[in-house]
Amino acid sequence: MRCGCVFFGRDGGGITGYPIDKIYEEASFIAYYFHWPHEQIMSLEHRERRRWCEEISKINRNLNDDGQEKQANPFDVFNKRW
């Protein structure tokens, strides 16, 4: 597990999963804004976790939008502009 990825398979080989640092980033982002428990966040499928992060970022952008150009938000884990 040197690369920081989650590995699946019986004999230590197999498919390389999603990087652990990204999982922690997504989980902490959701936990910070929605205050969901760890077990609930970690039980989400990868795509669903990413979708919640996108929705939280979208909400934040809409709340903070005053019509002027902004610098990149360091907490926008996907660096998307809507």
C-alpha atoms as a PDB file:
ATOM      1  CA  MET A   1       0.000   0.000   0.000  1.00  0.00           C
ATOM      2  CA  ARG A   2       2.903   2.323  -0.692  1.00  0.00           C
ATOM      3  CA  CYS A   3       1.031   4.507  -3.159  1.00  0.00           C
ATOM      4  CA  GLY A   4      -1.676   5.399  -0.629  1.00  0.00           C
ATOM      5  CA  CYS A   5      -4.310   3.526  -2.592  1.00  0.00           C
ATOM      6  CA  VAL A   6      -6.854   1.013  -1.422  1.00  0.00           C
ATOM      7  CA  PHE A   7      -6.180  -2.437  -2.846  1.00  0.00           C
ATOM      8  CA  PHE A   8      -8.750  -5.115  -3.485  1.00  0.00           C
ATOM      9  CA  GLY A   9      -7.990  -8.748  -4.229  1.00  0.00           C
ATOM     10  CA  ARG A  10      -7.268 -12.017  -2.495  1.00  0.00           C
ATOM     11  CA  ASP A  11      -3.528 -12.372  -2.824  1.00  0.00           C
ATOM     12  CA  GLY A  12      -2.436  -8.779  -2.329  1.00  0.00           C
ATOM     13  CA  GLY A  13      -2.711  -8.074  -6.041  1.00  0.00           C
ATOM     14  CA  GLY A  14      -5.626  -6.982  -8.069  1.00  0.00           C
ATOM     15  CA  ILE A  15      -7.361  -3.748  -8.765  1.00  0.00           C
ATOM     16  CA  THR A  16      -5.972  -0.462  -7.500  1.00  0.00           C
ATOM     17  CA  GLY A  17      -8.684   1.525  -5.780  1.00  0.00           C
ATOM     18  CA  TYR A  18      -9.272   5.173  -5.102  1.00  0.00           C
ATOM     19  CA  PRO A  19      -6.347   6.955  -3.333  1.00  0.00           C
ATOM     20  CA  ILE A  20      -6.795   7.037   0.438  1.00  0.00           C
ATOM     21  CA  ASP A  21      -5.842  10.722   0.694  1.00  0.00           C
ATOM     22  CA  LYS A  22      -8.746  11.566  -1.642  1.00  0.00           C
ATOM     23  CA  ILE A  23     -11.154   9.479   0.419  1.00  0.00           C
ATOM     24  CA  TYR A  24     -10.111  11.361   3.561  1.00  0.00           C
ATOM     25  CA  GLU A  25     -10.410  14.679   1.739  1.00  0.00           C
ATOM     26  CA  GLU A  26     -13.944  13.913   0.574  1.00  0.00           C
ATOM     27  CA  ALA A  27     -15.012  12.463   3.931  1.00  0.00           C
ATOM     28  CA  SER A  28     -13.688  15.413   5.927  1.00  0.00           C
ATOM     29  CA  PHE A  29     -15.298  17.866   3.509  1.00  0.00           C
ATOM     30  CA  ILE A  30     -18.722  16.250   3.899  1.00  0.00           C
ATOM     31  CA  ALA A  31     -18.326  15.825   7.672  1.00  0.00           C
ATOM     32  CA  TYR A  32     -17.341  19.475   8.096  1.00  0.00           C
ATOM     33  CA  TYR A  33     -20.375  20.840   6.265  1.00  0.00           C
ATOM     34  CA  PHE A  34     -23.078  18.252   6.944  1.00  0.00           C
ATOM     35  CA  HIS A  35     -21.868  16.842  10.300  1.00  0.00           C
ATOM     36  CA  TRP A  36     -22.588  13.304   9.177  1.00  0.00           C
ATOM     37  CA  PRO A  37     -20.985  10.487  11.205  1.00  0.00           C
ATOM     38  CA  HIS A  38     -17.902   8.731   9.864  1.00  0.00           C
ATOM     39  CA  GLU A  39     -19.705   5.429   9.308  1.00  0.00           C
ATOM     40  CA  GLN A  40     -22.406   7.051   7.193  1.00  0.00           C
ATOM     41  CA  ILE A  41     -19.912   8.927   5.002  1.00  0.00           C
ATOM     42  CA  MET A  42     -17.669   5.903   4.521  1.00  0.00           C
ATOM     43  CA  SER A  43     -20.629   3.708   3.587  1.00  0.00           C
ATOM     44  CA  LEU A  44     -21.328   5.925   0.562  1.00  0.00           C
ATOM     45  CA  GLU A  45     -20.219   4.749  -2.858  1.00  0.00           C
ATOM     46  CA  HIS A  46     -17.353   6.741  -4.353  1.00  0.00           C
ATOM     47  CA  ARG A  47     -19.561   8.456  -6.938  1.00  0.00           C
ATOM     48  CA  GLU A  48     -22.140   9.413  -4.336  1.00  0.00           C
ATOM     49  CA  ARG A  49     -19.463  10.847  -2.015  1.00  0.00           C
ATOM     50  CA  ARG A  50     -18.057  12.916  -4.895  1.00  0.00           C
ATOM     51  CA  ARG A  51     -21.550  14.088  -5.806  1.00  0.00           C
ATOM     52  CA  TRP A  52     -22.179  15.321  -2.252  1.00  0.00           C
ATOM     53  CA  CYS A  53     -18.852  17.198  -2.350  1.00  0.00           C
ATOM     54  CA  GLU A  54     -19.877  18.811  -5.638  1.00  0.00           C
ATOM     55  CA  GLU A  55     -23.259  19.823  -4.209  1.00  0.00           C
ATOM     56  CA  ILE A  56     -21.692  21.320  -1.073  1.00  0.00           C
ATOM     57  CA  SER A  57     -19.249  23.286  -3.235  1.00  0.00           C
ATOM     58  CA  LYS A  58     -22.112  24.485  -5.431  1.00  0.00           C
ATOM     59  CA  ILE A  59     -24.076  25.670  -2.372  1.00  0.00           C
ATOM     60  CA  ASN A  60     -21.022  27.532  -1.070  1.00  0.00           C
ATOM     61  CA  ARG A  61     -20.385  29.210  -4.413  1.00  0.00           C
ATOM     62  CA  ASN A  62     -24.007  30.320  -4.677  1.00  0.00           C
ATOM     63  CA  LEU A  63     -24.033  31.692  -1.125  1.00  0.00           C
ATOM     64  CA  ASN A  64     -20.778  33.564  -1.653  1.00  0.00           C
ATOM     65  CA  ASP A  65     -21.487  34.860  -5.159  1.00  0.00           C
ATOM     66  CA  ASP A  66     -21.713  38.637  -5.304  1.00  0.00           C
ATOM     67  CA  GLY A  67     -21.240  38.845  -9.063  1.00  0.00           C
ATOM     68  CA  GLN A  68     -17.523  39.635  -8.932  1.00  0.00           C
ATOM     69  CA  GLU A  69     -14.612  37.421  -9.969  1.00  0.00           C
ATOM     70  CA  LYS A  70     -13.262  35.383  -7.057  1.00  0.00           C
ATOM     71  CA  GLN A  71      -9.989  33.647  -6.317  1.00  0.00           C
ATOM     72  CA  ALA A  72     -10.053  29.850  -6.256  1.00  0.00           C
ATOM     73  CA  ASN A  73     -11.606  28.377  -3.124  1.00  0.00           C
ATOM     74  CA  PRO A  74      -9.070  26.051  -1.413  1.00  0.00           C
ATOM     75  CA  PHE A  75     -11.967  24.059   0.052  1.00  0.00           C
ATOM     76  CA  ASP A  76     -13.523  23.387  -3.342  1.00  0.00           C
ATOM     77  CA  VAL A  77     -12.002  19.931  -3.649  1.00  0.00           C
ATOM     78  CA  PHE A  78     -12.994  19.595  -7.288  1.00  0.00           C
ATOM     79  CA  ASN A  79     -12.066  23.118  -8.464  1.00  0.00           C
ATOM     80  CA  LYS A  80     -15.257  23.489 -10.470  1.00  0.00           C
ATOM     81  CA  ARG A  81     -16.948  26.712 -11.395  1.00  0.00           C
ATOM     82  CA  TRP A  82     -20.668  26.522 -12.097  1.00  0.00           C
END
